[in-house]
Amino acid sequence: MFDEIAERYDFLNRVLSMGIDHGWRRKTVQALIDSEGTEPKRVLDLATGTADLALAVAKRFPEAKVTGSDPSRNMLAIGEKKVAEAGAQVAAGDVKEDALEALAKEAEGSSGKIHVKKLNVADEAEVGAFVDWAYEAMGGLNGLVNNAGILRD
């Protein structure tokens, strides 16, 4: 379902929540500071969707390592574009090379960059090679995201 509405998700979220989603994100980001005033060092945003919360966390806590994960390929692709537009580098892997090339092309002109490479996450050796490639391409890694929905017997 989310893959089908991904392009309209941000708009629908704002309209259907009557703008309250901004307040929810603000409160969530503020809640990441513990009772002693310590800011988070690492944040995992599960079901990150189009990455609005992950970006808000990264903006508020620039030293934190923020990782987003989402089972929806299309939602995550929009989030990856937003992250690149915010100036970060993203390494994207997928078995669908045409989708990767389209993602990289859409991000052209951003202050960041999306590096793309074919990746079959069911192949352990290929995953290891992808991580090595991403590390080299970006000069290091701050987080890893897996949005694969692979089921095995």
Protein backbone atom coordinates (compact mmCIF):
# COMPACT_ATOMS: atom_id res chain seq x y z
CA MET A 1 0.00 0.00 0.00
CA PHE A 2 2.68 2.54 0.95
CA ASP A 3 4.57 1.95 -2.31
CA GLU A 4 1.41 2.99 -4.14
CA ILE A 5 0.86 6.24 -2.20
CA ALA A 6 4.51 7.18 -1.66
CA GLU A 7 4.48 10.16 -4.04
CA ARG A 8 1.47 11.66 -2.22
CA TYR A 9 2.31 10.52 1.31
CA ASP A 10 3.82 13.73 2.68
CA PHE A 11 0.92 15.81 1.37
CA LEU A 12 -1.67 13.36 2.68
CA ASN A 13 0.05 13.15 6.06
CA ARG A 14 -0.10 16.92 6.48
CA VAL A 15 -3.67 17.26 5.25
CA LEU A 16 -5.13 14.29 7.12
CA SER A 17 -3.35 15.22 10.36
CA MET A 18 -4.30 18.88 9.81
CA GLY A 19 -0.64 19.81 10.21
CA ILE A 20 -0.31 18.14 13.60
CA ASP A 21 2.43 15.90 12.17
CA HIS A 22 4.89 18.80 12.57
CA GLY A 23 4.16 18.96 16.28
CA TRP A 24 4.45 15.20 16.65
CA ARG A 25 7.91 15.28 15.09
CA ARG A 26 8.98 18.20 17.28
CA LYS A 27 7.84 16.38 20.43
CA THR A 28 9.47 13.13 19.33
CA VAL A 29 12.78 14.85 18.65
CA GLN A 30 12.66 16.62 22.01
CA ALA A 31 11.86 13.33 23.78
CA LEU A 32 15.18 11.91 22.57
CA ILE A 33 16.99 14.02 25.18
CA ASP A 34 17.19 11.97 28.37
CA SER A 35 16.29 13.20 31.86
CA GLU A 36 19.86 14.38 32.44
CA GLY A 37 19.86 16.48 29.26
CA THR A 38 22.07 14.10 27.29
CA GLU A 39 21.52 14.23 23.54
CA PRO A 40 21.31 10.98 21.56
CA LYS A 41 24.40 9.59 19.84
CA ARG A 42 22.57 7.06 17.66
CA VAL A 43 18.97 7.04 16.48
CA LEU A 44 17.21 4.31 14.52
CA ASP A 45 14.01 5.46 12.82
CA LEU A 46 12.10 2.29 12.02
CA ALA A 47 9.39 2.73 9.37
CA THR A 48 11.07 6.03 8.45
CA GLY A 49 8.77 6.46 5.47
CA THR A 50 9.91 9.53 3.55
CA ALA A 51 12.46 10.36 6.27
CA ASP A 52 10.86 13.50 7.74
CA LEU A 53 11.53 12.39 11.32
CA ALA A 54 15.06 11.16 10.54
CA LEU A 55 15.87 14.51 8.92
CA ALA A 56 14.39 16.43 11.87
CA VAL A 57 16.53 14.39 14.28
CA ALA A 58 19.67 14.95 12.17
CA LYS A 59 18.99 18.69 12.02
CA ARG A 60 18.44 19.00 15.79
CA PHE A 61 21.32 16.67 16.74
CA PRO A 62 23.99 17.09 14.02
CA GLU A 63 26.49 14.87 15.88
CA ALA A 64 24.06 11.93 16.10
CA LYS A 65 24.27 9.03 13.68
CA VAL A 66 20.76 8.69 12.30
CA THR A 67 19.64 5.58 10.44
CA GLY A 68 16.28 5.13 8.75
CA SER A 69 14.70 1.87 7.64
CA ASP A 70 11.42 1.21 5.85
CA PRO A 71 9.89 -1.82 4.14
CA SER A 72 8.46 0.34 1.35
CA ARG A 73 10.94 0.74 -1.52
CA ASN A 74 9.15 3.82 -2.88
CA MET A 75 8.82 5.57 0.49
CA LEU A 76 12.49 4.97 1.23
CA ALA A 77 13.51 6.23 -2.23
CA ILE A 78 11.75 9.53 -1.52
CA GLY A 79 13.49 9.68 1.85
CA GLU A 80 16.86 8.99 0.23
CA LYS A 81 16.28 11.87 -2.20
CA LYS A 82 15.42 14.19 0.71
CA VAL A 83 18.57 13.14 2.56
CA ALA A 84 20.68 13.85 -0.54
CA GLU A 85 18.95 17.22 -0.95
CA ALA A 86 19.92 17.97 2.66
CA GLY A 87 23.57 17.47 1.67
CA ALA A 88 24.29 13.92 2.78
CA GLN A 89 25.58 10.98 0.80
CA VAL A 90 23.48 7.84 0.43
CA ALA A 91 24.46 4.41 -0.86
CA ALA A 92 21.43 2.66 -2.34
CA GLY A 93 21.37 -0.98 -3.36
CA ASP A 94 18.55 -2.88 -5.03
CA VAL A 95 18.02 -5.81 -7.38
CA LYS A 96 16.14 -3.46 -9.71
CA GLU A 97 18.89 -1.58 -11.51
CA ASP A 98 16.45 0.60 -13.46
CA ALA A 99 14.94 1.86 -10.20
CA LEU A 100 18.43 2.65 -8.88
CA GLU A 101 19.41 4.59 -11.99
CA ALA A 102 16.14 6.56 -11.85
CA LEU A 103 16.80 7.35 -8.17
CA ALA A 104 20.33 8.58 -8.89
CA LYS A 105 19.10 10.69 -11.81
CA GLU A 106 16.34 12.28 -9.73
CA ALA A 107 18.90 13.27 -7.09
CA GLU A 108 21.22 14.98 -9.59
CA GLY A 109 21.72 18.62 -8.68
CA SER A 110 21.29 17.93 -4.96
CA SER A 111 23.93 19.17 -2.56
CA GLY A 112 24.45 15.52 -1.57
CA LYS A 113 24.72 12.40 -3.69
CA ILE A 114 23.10 9.01 -4.07
CA HIS A 115 25.58 6.28 -4.99
CA VAL A 116 23.84 3.28 -6.55
CA LYS A 117 24.84 -0.33 -7.10
CA LYS A 118 22.91 -3.49 -7.84
CA LEU A 119 22.47 -5.54 -4.68
CA ASN A 120 20.80 -8.83 -3.90
CA VAL A 121 20.46 -8.86 -0.11
CA ALA A 122 19.80 -12.61 -0.16
CA ASP A 123 23.45 -13.12 -1.19
CA GLU A 124 25.66 -12.66 1.88
CA ALA A 125 28.86 -12.20 -0.15
CA GLU A 126 27.18 -9.58 -2.30
CA VAL A 127 26.06 -7.69 0.81
CA GLY A 128 29.62 -7.68 2.16
CA ALA A 129 30.96 -6.44 -1.17
CA PHE A 130 28.28 -3.73 -1.23
CA VAL A 131 29.26 -2.47 2.22
CA ASP A 132 32.92 -2.36 1.16
CA TRP A 133 31.95 -0.51 -2.05
CA ALA A 134 29.78 1.99 -0.13
CA TYR A 135 32.55 2.63 2.39
CA GLU A 136 34.99 3.36 -0.44
CA ALA A 137 32.52 5.44 -2.48
CA MET A 138 31.58 7.68 0.44
CA GLY A 139 34.79 7.70 2.46
CA GLY A 140 33.15 5.90 5.40
CA LEU A 141 29.76 4.83 6.71
CA ASN A 142 27.62 6.22 9.51
CA GLY A 143 24.76 3.77 9.30
CA LEU A 144 23.33 0.84 7.39
CA VAL A 145 19.72 0.42 6.31
CA ASN A 146 17.97 -2.72 5.13
CA ASN A 147 14.46 -2.42 3.79
CA ALA A 148 14.28 -5.90 2.29
CA GLY A 149 11.18 -7.94 2.84
CA ILE A 150 12.64 -11.39 2.32
CA LEU A 151 10.95 -14.41 3.85
CA ARG A 152 12.54 -17.85 4.00
CA ASP A 153 11.18 -21.22 5.05
